Amino acid sequence: MRRVGYARNGGPEVLEVESVDVPTPGPGQLLVRVDAIGVTLPVVRRVRETAQPGPLGGEIAGEVVAVGEGVTDCMPGYRVTGPCFGHAYAEYALLDESMASTIPDGASAVDAVALVRGGLVALGALDAAKPESGDSALITAAASGVGHLAVQLARIRGAKRVTAAVSDLSKTDFLTDLGVDDVVSYDAPTWGDPVDFALDAVGGDLLTSTLAALAPGGRLVTLGSGGTIHADDLADAKSVIGFRIARIAREAPETYDHWRQELWQYVASGQLRPAVHAEFALDDAAAAHAVIEARANLGKVVLIP
C-alpha cells in the first residue's frame, strides 16, 4: 500500500510517498481502508519541528476490513471515523476501537473527517469554558478546522456575541456566513469589547492579546499550543484552563461518545456546517501541508488516498 512519511524534519517538501505492507490489527484495533484523512496543524508542526521522524497521525474515515482480538462492536463492513495516532496518511490505517465513531447513513467520509475530531476538540474546549447563555465569546484561529466549528458551537450553546480572531481579514466573509459578529486580525491594537470566554488554539505571543481581550472574571481555554502566561495577565480574576481531548477519550469515554452523537445531531438539524477548504490526493500531501502552514485554509483540509 501507499503511505506518506518523512525521513527528516522540515517543511512540506520533506514528505514522501512510500510503499509498505498493509498493517495487521492488534488487540482492540480496526484495520480501516481509508477514504479520507483530515490534516491537522499539530501534525504539520511536528514535521517541521521534531528532529526524530514519526508517524503522521490525523483523523481518518473509511470502511473496516479486519479487526483484532477483543473487538466487539465495529465489524468488517462498518463505516467509521476517528483519530489515528499511528500512520494515518495511508491507504490502510489502524484505528483503536475506542476512538471509532460510526458514520451515519448519508454522510460521506469527507464529511466525517471535517466534523468529528475537530468538532470534539471544539465542543470539549467549549464545555471547559463553562459558557452561560448570553455570554460573549472569542475564538482564535477561527477559520481553521477546529475554529470554524467552535464559532458555530459557541452560538449553538447560547453565546450572544461571537468574535473571531484570524491572521488575515480576507477570511471575514467566510466567518460572517457562519454567524460570527466581529472579525479581528491578530495584529489589531485591540480586539473590540471584552469577552466572557475565549478558546485559543494558537498560543505563543498571541496568548497576551487573548488574555487582554477577556472581561473581568473571563475564562481562557487553551488547546496547548505553547506560550507564556504571566501572573499580571490574570488580574481581575481571569482564569486559564488547559484542555486535551485525548484525556477525555481515555478517562471519560461516556462523555466522549455523548459529544460525538451531539455533533452529528447538530449537523442533521442544520445548526452546524462543517466546511472543507480543499481535497488533495495522497500524493499531494505536501501541497495540503503548505496550505495549513500558510494559515490559508477556510475549514478542513482533506487528503484522499
C-alpha atoms as a PDB file:
ATOM      1  CA  MET A   1       0.000   0.000   0.000  1.00  0.00           C
ATOM      2  CA  ARG A   2       0.992   3.655  -0.340  1.00  0.00           C
ATOM      3  CA  ARG A   3       1.830   5.697   2.744  1.00  0.00           C
ATOM      4  CA  VAL A   4       3.247   9.177   3.267  1.00  0.00           C
ATOM      5  CA  GLY A   5       6.220   9.570   5.578  1.00  0.00           C
ATOM      6  CA  TYR A   6       9.328  11.690   6.095  1.00  0.00           C
ATOM      7  CA  ALA A   7      12.950  10.870   6.857  1.00  0.00           C
ATOM      8  CA  ARG A   8      13.997  14.277   8.242  1.00  0.00           C
ATOM      9  CA  ASN A   9      12.209  17.243   9.720  1.00  0.00           C
ATOM     10  CA  GLY A  10      11.435  20.271   7.608  1.00  0.00           C
ATOM     11  CA  GLY A  11       8.704  21.865   5.545  1.00  0.00           C
ATOM     12  CA  PRO A  12       6.152  20.176   3.282  1.00  0.00           C
ATOM     13  CA  GLU A  13       8.886  19.289   0.814  1.00  0.00           C
ATOM     14  CA  VAL A  14      10.228  16.509   3.090  1.00  0.00           C
ATOM     15  CA  LEU A  15       7.064  14.411   2.723  1.00  0.00           C
ATOM     16  CA  GLU A  16       7.475  11.323   0.549  1.00  0.00           C
ATOM     17  CA  VAL A  17       5.175   8.560  -0.646  1.00  0.00           C
ATOM     18  CA  GLU A  18       6.482   5.112   0.252  1.00  0.00           C
ATOM     19  CA  SER A  19       5.355   1.542  -0.399  1.00  0.00           C
ATOM     20  CA  VAL A  20       4.807  -0.571   2.733  1.00  0.00           C
ATOM     21  CA  ASP A  21       2.892  -3.668   3.785  1.00  0.00           C
ATOM     22  CA  VAL A  22      -0.722  -3.383   4.913  1.00  0.00           C
ATOM     23  CA  PRO A  23      -0.657  -3.400   8.750  1.00  0.00           C
ATOM     24  CA  THR A  24      -2.245  -6.129  10.858  1.00  0.00           C
ATOM     25  CA  PRO A  25      -4.711  -5.057  13.565  1.00  0.00           C
ATOM     26  CA  GLY A  26      -3.653  -5.827  17.118  1.00  0.00           C
ATOM     27  CA  PRO A  27      -5.899  -6.299  20.146  1.00  0.00           C
ATOM     28  CA  GLY A  28      -8.694  -3.739  20.213  1.00  0.00           C
ATOM     29  CA  GLN A  29      -7.763  -2.350  16.780  1.00  0.00           C
ATOM     30  CA  LEU A  30      -9.590  -1.949  13.486  1.00  0.00           C
ATOM     31  CA  LEU A  31      -7.958  -2.127  10.079  1.00  0.00           C
ATOM     32  CA  VAL A  32      -9.620   0.607   8.024  1.00  0.00           C
ATOM     33  CA  ARG A  33      -9.494   1.049   4.257  1.00  0.00           C
ATOM     34  CA  VAL A  34      -9.089   4.806   4.291  1.00  0.00           C
ATOM     35  CA  ASP A  35     -11.339   7.018   2.166  1.00  0.00           C
ATOM     36  CA  ALA A  36     -10.432  10.410   3.683  1.00  0.00           C
ATOM     37  CA  ILE A  37      -7.787  11.847   6.016  1.00  0.00           C
ATOM     38  CA  GLY A  38      -8.015  15.104   7.933  1.00  0.00           C
ATOM     39  CA  VAL A  39      -4.831  17.189   8.062  1.00  0.00           C
ATOM     40  CA  THR A  40      -4.169  18.926  11.396  1.00  0.00           C
ATOM     41  CA  LEU A  41      -1.904  21.795  12.420  1.00  0.00           C
ATOM     42  CA  PRO A  42      -0.190  19.789  15.220  1.00  0.00           C
ATOM     43  CA  VAL A  43       0.948  17.180  12.684  1.00  0.00           C
ATOM     44  CA  VAL A  44       2.153  19.860  10.266  1.00  0.00           C
ATOM     45  CA  ARG A  45       4.135  21.449  13.094  1.00  0.00           C
ATOM     46  CA  ARG A  46       5.559  18.082  14.117  1.00  0.00           C
ATOM     47  CA  VAL A  47       7.026  17.515  10.650  1.00  0.00           C
ATOM     48  CA  ARG A  48       8.802  20.871  10.764  1.00  0.00           C
ATOM     49  CA  GLU A  49       9.897  20.857  14.405  1.00  0.00           C
ATOM     50  CA  THR A  50      10.540  17.245  15.505  1.00  0.00           C
ATOM     51  CA  ALA A  51      14.055  16.031  14.858  1.00  0.00           C
ATOM     52  CA  GLN A  52      13.104  12.345  15.124  1.00  0.00           C
ATOM     53  CA  PRO A  53      10.578  11.466  12.366  1.00  0.00           C
ATOM     54  CA  GLY A  54       7.463   9.607  13.433  1.00  0.00           C
ATOM     55  CA  PRO A  55       4.082   8.544  12.092  1.00  0.00           C
ATOM     56  CA  LEU A  56       1.836  11.163  10.522  1.00  0.00           C
ATOM     57  CA  GLY A  57      -1.371  10.946  12.528  1.00  0.00           C
ATOM     58  CA  GLY A  58      -4.737  12.500  11.803  1.00  0.00           C
ATOM     59  CA  GLU A  59      -8.434  11.886  11.504  1.00  0.00           C
ATOM     60  CA  ILE A  60      -9.339   9.043   9.197  1.00  0.00           C
ATOM     61  CA  ALA A  61     -12.620   7.803   7.773  1.00  0.00           C
ATOM     62  CA  GLY A  62     -13.312   4.667   5.800  1.00  0.00           C
ATOM     63  CA  GLU A  63     -14.510   1.059   5.932  1.00  0.00           C
ATOM     64  CA  VAL A  64     -13.435  -1.561   8.452  1.00  0.00           C
ATOM     65  CA  VAL A  65     -11.910  -4.515   6.611  1.00  0.00           C
ATOM     66  CA  ALA A  66     -10.467  -6.531   9.519  1.00  0.00           C
ATOM     67  CA  VAL A  67     -10.452  -6.444  13.324  1.00  0.00           C
ATOM     68  CA  GLY A  68      -8.084  -7.501  16.070  1.00  0.00           C
ATOM     69  CA  GLU A  69      -8.682  -9.629  19.117  1.00  0.00           C
ATOM     70  CA  GLY A  70     -11.186  -8.254  21.592  1.00  0.00           C
ATOM     71  CA  VAL A  71     -13.083  -6.009  19.179  1.00  0.00           C
ATOM     72  CA  THR A  72     -16.784  -6.288  19.966  1.00  0.00           C
ATOM     73  CA  ASP A  73     -18.719  -3.538  18.208  1.00  0.00           C
ATOM     74  CA  CYS A  74     -17.086  -2.447  14.938  1.00  0.00           C
ATOM     75  CA  MET A  75     -17.167  -5.319  12.492  1.00  0.00           C
ATOM     76  CA  PRO A  76     -15.902  -5.540   8.889  1.00  0.00           C
ATOM     77  CA  GLY A  77     -18.135  -3.515   6.611  1.00  0.00           C
ATOM     78  CA  TYR A  78     -18.787  -0.758   9.153  1.00  0.00           C
ATOM     79  CA  ARG A  79     -18.025   2.826   8.078  1.00  0.00           C
ATOM     80  CA  VAL A  80     -16.107   4.588  10.832  1.00  0.00           C
ATOM     81  CA  THR A  81     -14.109   7.704  11.611  1.00  0.00           C
ATOM     82  CA  GLY A  82     -11.738   8.647  14.399  1.00  0.00           C
ATOM     83  CA  PRO A  83      -8.265   9.920  15.315  1.00  0.00           C
ATOM     84  CA  CYS A  84      -5.403   7.667  14.243  1.00  0.00           C
ATOM     85  CA  PHE A  85      -2.303   8.150  16.389  1.00  0.00           C
ATOM     86  CA  GLY A  86      -0.152   5.941  14.210  1.00  0.00           C
ATOM     87  CA  HIS A  87       0.247   6.158  10.429  1.00  0.00           C
ATOM     88  CA  ALA A  88      -2.885   7.926   9.142  1.00  0.00           C
ATOM     89  CA  TYR A  89      -1.574   9.178   5.776  1.00  0.00           C
ATOM     90  CA  ALA A  90      -2.078   5.820   4.089  1.00  0.00           C
ATOM     91  CA  GLU A  91      -4.431   3.654   2.070  1.00  0.00           C
ATOM     92  CA  TYR A  92      -4.975   1.443   5.127  1.00  0.00           C
ATOM     93  CA  ALA A  93      -4.647   2.504   8.759  1.00  0.00           C
ATOM     94  CA  LEU A  94      -5.126   1.122  12.260  1.00  0.00           C
ATOM     95  CA  LEU A  95      -7.752   2.696  14.484  1.00  0.00           C
ATOM     96  CA  ASP A  96      -8.382   1.862  18.127  1.00  0.00           C
ATOM     97  CA  GLU A  97     -11.972   0.705  18.532  1.00  0.00           C
ATOM     98  CA  SER A  98     -12.377   3.071  21.493  1.00  0.00           C
ATOM     99  CA  MET A  99     -11.639   6.015  19.169  1.00  0.00           C
ATOM    100  CA  ALA A 100     -14.004   4.878  16.399  1.00  0.00           C
ATOM    101  CA  SER A 101     -17.296   6.583  15.641  1.00  0.00           C
ATOM    102  CA  THR A 102     -19.820   5.133  13.209  1.00  0.00           C
ATOM    103  CA  ILE A 103     -20.523   7.354  10.230  1.00  0.00           C
ATOM    104  CA  PRO A 104     -24.282   7.904   9.833  1.00  0.00           C
ATOM    105  CA  ASP A 105     -26.044   6.900   6.621  1.00  0.00           C
ATOM    106  CA  GLY A 106     -25.964   9.723   4.110  1.00  0.00           C
ATOM    107  CA  ALA A 107     -22.739  11.244   5.447  1.00  0.00           C
ATOM    108  CA  SER A 108     -19.551  10.918   3.419  1.00  0.00           C
ATOM    109  CA  ALA A 109     -16.061  10.105   4.644  1.00  0.00           C
ATOM    110  CA  VAL A 110     -15.059  13.697   3.899  1.00  0.00           C
ATOM    111  CA  ASP A 111     -17.992  14.967   5.989  1.00  0.00           C
ATOM    112  CA  ALA A 112     -16.786  12.766   8.835  1.00  0.00           C
ATOM    113  CA  VAL A 113     -13.172  13.952   8.946  1.00  0.00           C
ATOM    114  CA  ALA A 114     -14.328  17.561   8.650  1.00  0.00           C
ATOM    115  CA  LEU A 115     -16.623  17.156  11.641  1.00  0.00           C
ATOM    116  CA  VAL A 116     -15.713  14.599  14.253  1.00  0.00           C
ATOM    117  CA  ARG A 117     -12.176  15.210  15.554  1.00  0.00           C
ATOM    118  CA  GLY A 118     -12.273  18.994  15.127  1.00  0.00           C
ATOM    119  CA  GLY A 119     -15.793  19.085  16.495  1.00  0.00           C
ATOM    120  CA  LEU A 120     -14.846  17.047  19.554  1.00  0.00           C
ATOM    121  CA  VAL A 121     -11.977  19.416  20.322  1.00  0.00           C
ATOM    122  CA  ALA A 122     -14.187  22.471  19.810  1.00  0.00           C
ATOM    123  CA  LEU A 123     -17.081  21.089  21.837  1.00  0.00           C
ATOM    124  CA  GLY A 124     -14.823  19.876  24.622  1.00  0.00           C
ATOM    125  CA  ALA A 125     -12.996  23.207  24.857  1.00  0.00           C
ATOM    126  CA  LEU A 126     -16.336  24.978  24.901  1.00  0.00           C
ATOM    127  CA  ASP A 127     -17.564  22.804  27.764  1.00  0.00           C
ATOM    128  CA  ALA A 128     -14.329  23.541  29.643  1.00  0.00           C
ATOM    129  CA  ALA A 129     -15.107  27.268  29.355  1.00  0.00           C
ATOM    130  CA  LYS A 130     -18.420  26.654  31.142  1.00  0.00           C
ATOM    131  CA  PRO A 131     -20.422  29.024  28.930  1.00  0.00           C
ATOM    132  CA  GLU A 132     -23.634  30.563  30.148  1.00  0.00           C
ATOM    133  CA  SER A 133     -26.490  31.778  27.985  1.00  0.00           C
ATOM    134  CA  GLY A 134     -25.820  35.354  26.949  1.00  0.00           C
ATOM    135  CA  ASP A 135     -22.021  35.129  27.269  1.00  0.00           C
ATOM    136  CA  SER A 136     -19.744  36.697  24.676  1.00  0.00           C
ATOM    137  CA  ALA A 137     -17.067  34.507  23.060  1.00  0.00           C
ATOM    138  CA  LEU A 138     -13.731  34.919  21.304  1.00  0.00           C
ATOM    139  CA  ILE A 139     -12.274  32.187  19.066  1.00  0.00           C
ATOM    140  CA  THR A 140      -8.719  32.391  17.707  1.00  0.00           C
ATOM    141  CA  ALA A 141      -7.693  30.513  14.543  1.00  0.00           C
ATOM    142  CA  ALA A 142     -11.378  30.890  13.834  1.00  0.00           C
ATOM    143  CA  ALA A 143     -11.281  29.758  10.204  1.00  0.00           C
ATOM    144  CA  SER A 144      -9.342  26.562  10.962  1.00  0.00           C
ATOM    145  CA  GLY A 145     -10.685  23.027  11.031  1.00  0.00           C
ATOM    146  CA  VAL A 146     -11.407  23.362  14.759  1.00  0.00           C
ATOM    147  CA  GLY A 147     -12.095  27.093  14.869  1.00  0.00           C
ATOM    148  CA  HIS A 148     -14.824  27.258  12.239  1.00  0.00           C
ATOM    149  CA  LEU A 149     -16.748  24.612  14.203  1.00  0.00           C
ATOM    150  CA  ALA A 150     -16.080  26.356  17.528  1.00  0.00           C
ATOM    151  CA  VAL A 151     -17.636  29.649  16.389  1.00  0.00           C
ATOM    152  CA  GLN A 152     -20.810  27.817  15.377  1.00  0.00           C
ATOM    153  CA  LEU A 153     -20.932  25.711  18.543  1.00  0.00           C
ATOM    154  CA  ALA A 154     -20.479  28.805  20.714  1.00  0.00           C
ATOM    155  CA  ARG A 155     -23.585  30.270  19.105  1.00  0.00           C
ATOM    156  CA  ILE A 156     -25.497  26.992  19.483  1.00  0.00           C
ATOM    157  CA  ARG A 157     -24.591  26.996  23.174  1.00  0.00           C
ATOM    158  CA  GLY A 158     -26.106  30.442  23.640  1.00  0.00           C
ATOM    159  CA  ALA A 159     -23.346  32.989  23.053  1.00  0.00           C
ATOM    160  CA  LYS A 160     -24.893  36.385  22.380  1.00  0.00           C
ATOM    161  CA  ARG A 161     -21.791  37.678  20.569  1.00  0.00           C
ATOM    162  CA  VAL A 162     -19.009  35.758  18.842  1.00  0.00           C
ATOM    163  CA  THR A 163     -15.735  37.414  17.857  1.00  0.00           C
ATOM    164  CA  ALA A 164     -13.332  35.635  15.508  1.00  0.00           C
ATOM    165  CA  ALA A 165      -9.596  36.380  15.559  1.00  0.00           C
ATOM    166  CA  VAL A 166      -7.667  35.482  12.404  1.00  0.00           C
ATOM    167  CA  SER A 167      -4.326  36.018  10.714  1.00  0.00           C
ATOM    168  CA  ASP A 168      -5.891  37.512   7.582  1.00  0.00           C
ATOM    169  CA  LEU A 169      -9.058  39.583   7.270  1.00  0.00           C
ATOM    170  CA  SER A 170      -9.712  38.040   3.847  1.00  0.00           C
ATOM    171  CA  LYS A 171     -11.417  35.285   5.875  1.00  0.00           C
ATOM    172  CA  THR A 172     -14.114  37.698   7.077  1.00  0.00           C
ATOM    173  CA  ASP A 173     -16.844  36.723   4.598  1.00  0.00           C
ATOM    174  CA  PHE A 174     -16.372  33.014   5.353  1.00  0.00           C
ATOM    175  CA  LEU A 175     -16.748  33.607   9.085  1.00  0.00           C
ATOM    176  CA  THR A 176     -19.604  36.072   8.809  1.00  0.00           C
ATOM    177  CA  ASP A 177     -21.513  33.454   6.843  1.00  0.00           C
ATOM    178  CA  LEU A 178     -21.039  31.091   9.805  1.00  0.00           C
ATOM    179  CA  GLY A 179     -22.671  33.589  12.156  1.00  0.00           C
ATOM    180  CA  VAL A 180     -19.698  35.488  13.574  1.00  0.00           C
ATOM    181  CA  ASP A 181     -20.475  39.034  14.726  1.00  0.00           C
ATOM    182  CA  ASP A 182     -16.991  40.559  14.565  1.00  0.00           C
ATOM    183  CA  VAL A 183     -13.732  39.552  12.879  1.00  0.00           C
ATOM    184  CA  VAL A 184     -10.403  40.974  14.086  1.00  0.00           C
ATOM    185  CA  SER A 185      -6.840  40.454  12.906  1.00  0.00           C
ATOM    186  CA  TYR A 186      -4.164  39.244  15.282  1.00  0.00           C
ATOM    187  CA  ASP A 187      -2.154  42.431  14.875  1.00  0.00           C
ATOM    188  CA  ALA A 188      -5.034  44.810  15.644  1.00  0.00           C
ATOM    189  CA  PRO A 189      -4.258  47.075  18.640  1.00  0.00           C
ATOM    190  CA  THR A 190      -7.471  45.980  20.375  1.00  0.00           C
ATOM    191  CA  TRP A 191      -9.960  43.192  19.722  1.00  0.00           C
ATOM    192  CA  GLY A 192     -13.170  45.053  20.477  1.00  0.00           C
ATOM    193  CA  ASP A 193     -15.364  44.764  23.543  1.00  0.00           C
ATOM    194  CA  PRO A 194     -14.142  42.369  26.272  1.00  0.00           C
ATOM    195  CA  VAL A 195     -15.497  38.815  26.183  1.00  0.00           C
ATOM    196  CA  ASP A 196     -16.606  36.359  28.837  1.00  0.00           C
ATOM    197  CA  PHE A 197     -14.595  33.439  27.481  1.00  0.00           C
ATOM    198  CA  ALA A 198     -12.055  32.638  24.777  1.00  0.00           C
ATOM    199  CA  LEU A 199     -10.903  29.442  23.054  1.00  0.00           C
ATOM    200  CA  ASP A 200      -7.317  29.636  21.812  1.00  0.00           C
ATOM    201  CA  ALA A 201      -5.526  27.183  19.527  1.00  0.00           C
ATOM    202  CA  VAL A 202      -2.672  29.496  18.507  1.00  0.00           C
ATOM    203  CA  GLY A 203      -0.767  30.166  21.712  1.00  0.00           C
ATOM    204  CA  GLY A 204       2.683  31.730  21.650  1.00  0.00           C
ATOM    205  CA  ASP A 205       2.776  35.509  21.766  1.00  0.00           C
ATOM    206  CA  LEU A 206      -0.937  35.619  20.939  1.00  0.00           C
ATOM    207  CA  LEU A 207      -1.779  34.483  24.476  1.00  0.00           C
ATOM    208  CA  THR A 208      -1.128  38.005  25.758  1.00  0.00           C
ATOM    209  CA  SER A 209      -3.647  39.530  23.346  1.00  0.00           C
ATOM    210  CA  THR A 210      -6.204  36.823  24.069  1.00  0.00           C
ATOM    211  CA  LEU A 211      -5.967  37.336  27.828  1.00  0.00           C
ATOM    212  CA  ALA A 212      -6.238  41.093  27.349  1.00  0.00           C
ATOM    213  CA  ALA A 213      -9.496  40.555  25.447  1.00  0.00           C
ATOM    214  CA  LEU A 214     -11.156  38.896  28.462  1.00  0.00           C
ATOM    215  CA  ALA A 215     -13.588  40.777  30.674  1.00  0.00           C
ATOM    216  CA  PRO A 216     -13.039  40.645  34.468  1.00  0.00           C
ATOM    217  CA  GLY A 217     -13.672  37.060  35.560  1.00  0.00           C
ATOM    218  CA  GLY A 218     -13.224  35.827  31.993  1.00  0.00           C
ATOM    219  CA  ARG A 219     -12.072  32.294  31.141  1.00  0.00           C
ATOM    220  CA  LEU A 220      -9.457  31.326  28.585  1.00  0.00           C
ATOM    221  CA  VAL A 221      -9.314  27.721  27.385  1.00  0.00           C
ATOM    222  CA  THR A 222      -6.007  26.938  25.718  1.00  0.00           C
ATOM    223  CA  LEU A 223      -5.569  23.938  23.458  1.00  0.00           C
ATOM    224  CA  GLY A 224      -1.918  23.592  24.392  1.00  0.00           C
ATOM    225  CA  SER A 225      -0.127  25.488  21.634  1.00  0.00           C
ATOM    226  CA  GLY A 226       2.639  26.916  23.818  1.00  0.00           C
ATOM    227  CA  GLY A 227       3.271  30.380  25.120  1.00  0.00           C
ATOM    228  CA  THR A 228       3.952  32.079  28.438  1.00  0.00           C
ATOM    229  CA  ILE A 229       1.358  33.394  30.864  1.00  0.00           C
ATOM    230  CA  HIS A 230       2.397  35.991  33.437  1.00  0.00           C
ATOM    231  CA  ALA A 231       0.614  36.402  36.741  1.00  0.00           C
ATOM    232  CA  ASP A 232      -0.149  40.037  35.887  1.00  0.00           C
ATOM    233  CA  ASP A 233      -2.125  38.811  32.865  1.00  0.00           C
ATOM    234  CA  LEU A 234      -4.605  37.172  35.242  1.00  0.00           C
ATOM    235  CA  ALA A 235      -5.611  40.370  37.005  1.00  0.00           C
ATOM    236  CA  ASP A 236      -9.341  40.913  37.532  1.00  0.00           C
ATOM    237  CA  ALA A 237      -9.901  37.240  38.403  1.00  0.00           C
ATOM    238  CA  LYS A 238      -9.237  35.942  34.903  1.00  0.00           C
ATOM    239  CA  SER A 239      -8.511  32.217  34.617  1.00  0.00           C
ATOM    240  CA  VAL A 240      -6.726  29.900  32.188  1.00  0.00           C
ATOM    241  CA  ILE A 241      -7.866  26.303  31.606  1.00  0.00           C
ATOM    242  CA  GLY A 242      -5.855  23.716  29.715  1.00  0.00           C
ATOM    243  CA  PHE A 243      -7.698  21.226  27.514  1.00  0.00           C
ATOM    244  CA  ARG A 244      -6.715  17.933  25.849  1.00  0.00           C
ATOM    245  CA  ILE A 245      -9.311  15.831  24.034  1.00  0.00           C
ATOM    246  CA  ALA A 246      -7.145  12.711  24.482  1.00  0.00           C
ATOM    247  CA  ARG A 247      -7.667  12.880  28.250  1.00  0.00           C
ATOM    248  CA  ILE A 248     -11.441  12.887  27.793  1.00  0.00           C
ATOM    249  CA  ALA A 249     -11.225   9.908  25.435  1.00  0.00           C
ATOM    250  CA  ARG A 250      -9.169   7.953  27.986  1.00  0.00           C
ATOM    251  CA  GLU A 251     -10.818   8.981  31.241  1.00  0.00           C
ATOM    252  CA  ALA A 252     -14.411   9.857  30.302  1.00  0.00           C
ATOM    253  CA  PRO A 253     -15.441   7.671  27.341  1.00  0.00           C
ATOM    254  CA  GLU A 254     -19.151   8.223  28.045  1.00  0.00           C
ATOM    255  CA  THR A 255     -18.687  11.984  27.687  1.00  0.00           C
ATOM    256  CA  TYR A 256     -16.607  11.479  24.555  1.00  0.00           C
ATOM    257  CA  ASP A 257     -19.325   9.335  22.992  1.00  0.00           C
ATOM    258  CA  HIS A 258     -22.058  11.777  24.021  1.00  0.00           C
ATOM    259  CA  TRP A 259     -20.215  14.615  22.304  1.00  0.00           C
ATOM    260  CA  ARG A 260     -19.863  12.565  19.096  1.00  0.00           C
ATOM    261  CA  GLN A 261     -23.601  11.957  18.995  1.00  0.00           C
ATOM    262  CA  GLU A 262     -24.300  15.602  19.781  1.00  0.00           C
ATOM    263  CA  LEU A 263     -22.173  16.760  16.849  1.00  0.00           C
ATOM    264  CA  TRP A 264     -23.983  14.556  14.320  1.00  0.00           C
ATOM    265  CA  GLN A 265     -27.326  15.754  15.720  1.00  0.00           C
ATOM    266  CA  TYR A 266     -26.327  19.373  15.169  1.00  0.00           C
ATOM    267  CA  VAL A 267     -25.356  18.557  11.582  1.00  0.00           C
ATOM    268  CA  ALA A 268     -28.599  16.665  10.935  1.00  0.00           C
ATOM    269  CA  SER A 269     -30.621  19.622  12.236  1.00  0.00           C
ATOM    270  CA  GLY A 270     -28.714  22.097  10.060  1.00  0.00           C
ATOM    271  CA  GLN A 271     -27.316  24.003  13.044  1.00  0.00           C
ATOM    272  CA  LEU A 272     -23.693  23.015  12.360  1.00  0.00           C
ATOM    273  CA  ARG A 273     -21.988  23.156   8.972  1.00  0.00           C
ATOM    274  CA  PRO A 274     -18.544  21.546   8.646  1.00  0.00           C
ATOM    275  CA  ALA A 275     -16.573  23.230   5.862  1.00  0.00           C
ATOM    276  CA  VAL A 276     -13.932  21.635   3.639  1.00  0.00           C
ATOM    277  CA  HIS A 277     -11.329  24.005   2.251  1.00  0.00           C
ATOM    278  CA  ALA A 278      -9.890  21.565  -0.290  1.00  0.00           C
ATOM    279  CA  GLU A 279      -9.354  17.903  -1.058  1.00  0.00           C
ATOM    280  CA  PHE A 280      -5.869  16.737  -2.100  1.00  0.00           C
ATOM    281  CA  ALA A 281      -4.712  13.383  -3.428  1.00  0.00           C
ATOM    282  CA  LEU A 282      -2.493  11.423  -1.038  1.00  0.00           C
ATOM    283  CA  ASP A 283       0.446  12.040  -3.382  1.00  0.00           C
ATOM    284  CA  ASP A 284      -0.121  15.781  -2.901  1.00  0.00           C
ATOM    285  CA  ALA A 285       0.228  15.730   0.893  1.00  0.00           C
ATOM    286  CA  ALA A 286       2.952  18.363   0.643  1.00  0.00           C
ATOM    287  CA  ALA A 287       0.526  20.777  -1.002  1.00  0.00           C
ATOM    288  CA  ALA A 288      -2.005  20.118   1.766  1.00  0.00           C
ATOM    289  CA  HIS A 289       0.607  20.861   4.440  1.00  0.00           C
ATOM    290  CA  ALA A 290       1.601  24.047   2.632  1.00  0.00           C
ATOM    291  CA  VAL A 291      -1.973  25.351   2.885  1.00  0.00           C
ATOM    292  CA  ILE A 292      -2.035  24.699   6.636  1.00  0.00           C
ATOM    293  CA  GLU A 293       1.401  26.253   7.183  1.00  0.00           C
ATOM    294  CA  ALA A 294       0.294  29.383   5.344  1.00  0.00           C
ATOM    295  CA  ARG A 295      -2.842  29.556   7.548  1.00  0.00           C
ATOM    296  CA  ALA A 296      -4.745  29.898   4.280  1.00  0.00           C
ATOM    297  CA  ASN A 297      -7.461  27.322   4.909  1.00  0.00           C
ATOM    298  CA  LEU A 298     -11.135  28.058   5.392  1.00  0.00           C
ATOM    299  CA  GLY A 299     -12.262  24.933   7.204  1.00  0.00           C
ATOM    300  CA  LYS A 300     -10.769  21.451   6.896  1.00  0.00           C
ATOM    301  CA  VAL A 301      -8.002  20.287   4.558  1.00  0.00           C
ATOM    302  CA  VAL A 302      -8.539  16.668   3.480  1.00  0.00           C
ATOM    303  CA  LEU A 303      -6.382  14.013   1.804  1.00  0.00           C
ATOM    304  CA  ILE A 304      -7.969  11.370  -0.439  1.00  0.00           C
ATOM    305  CA  PRO A 305      -5.965   8.108  -0.887  1.00  0.00           C
END
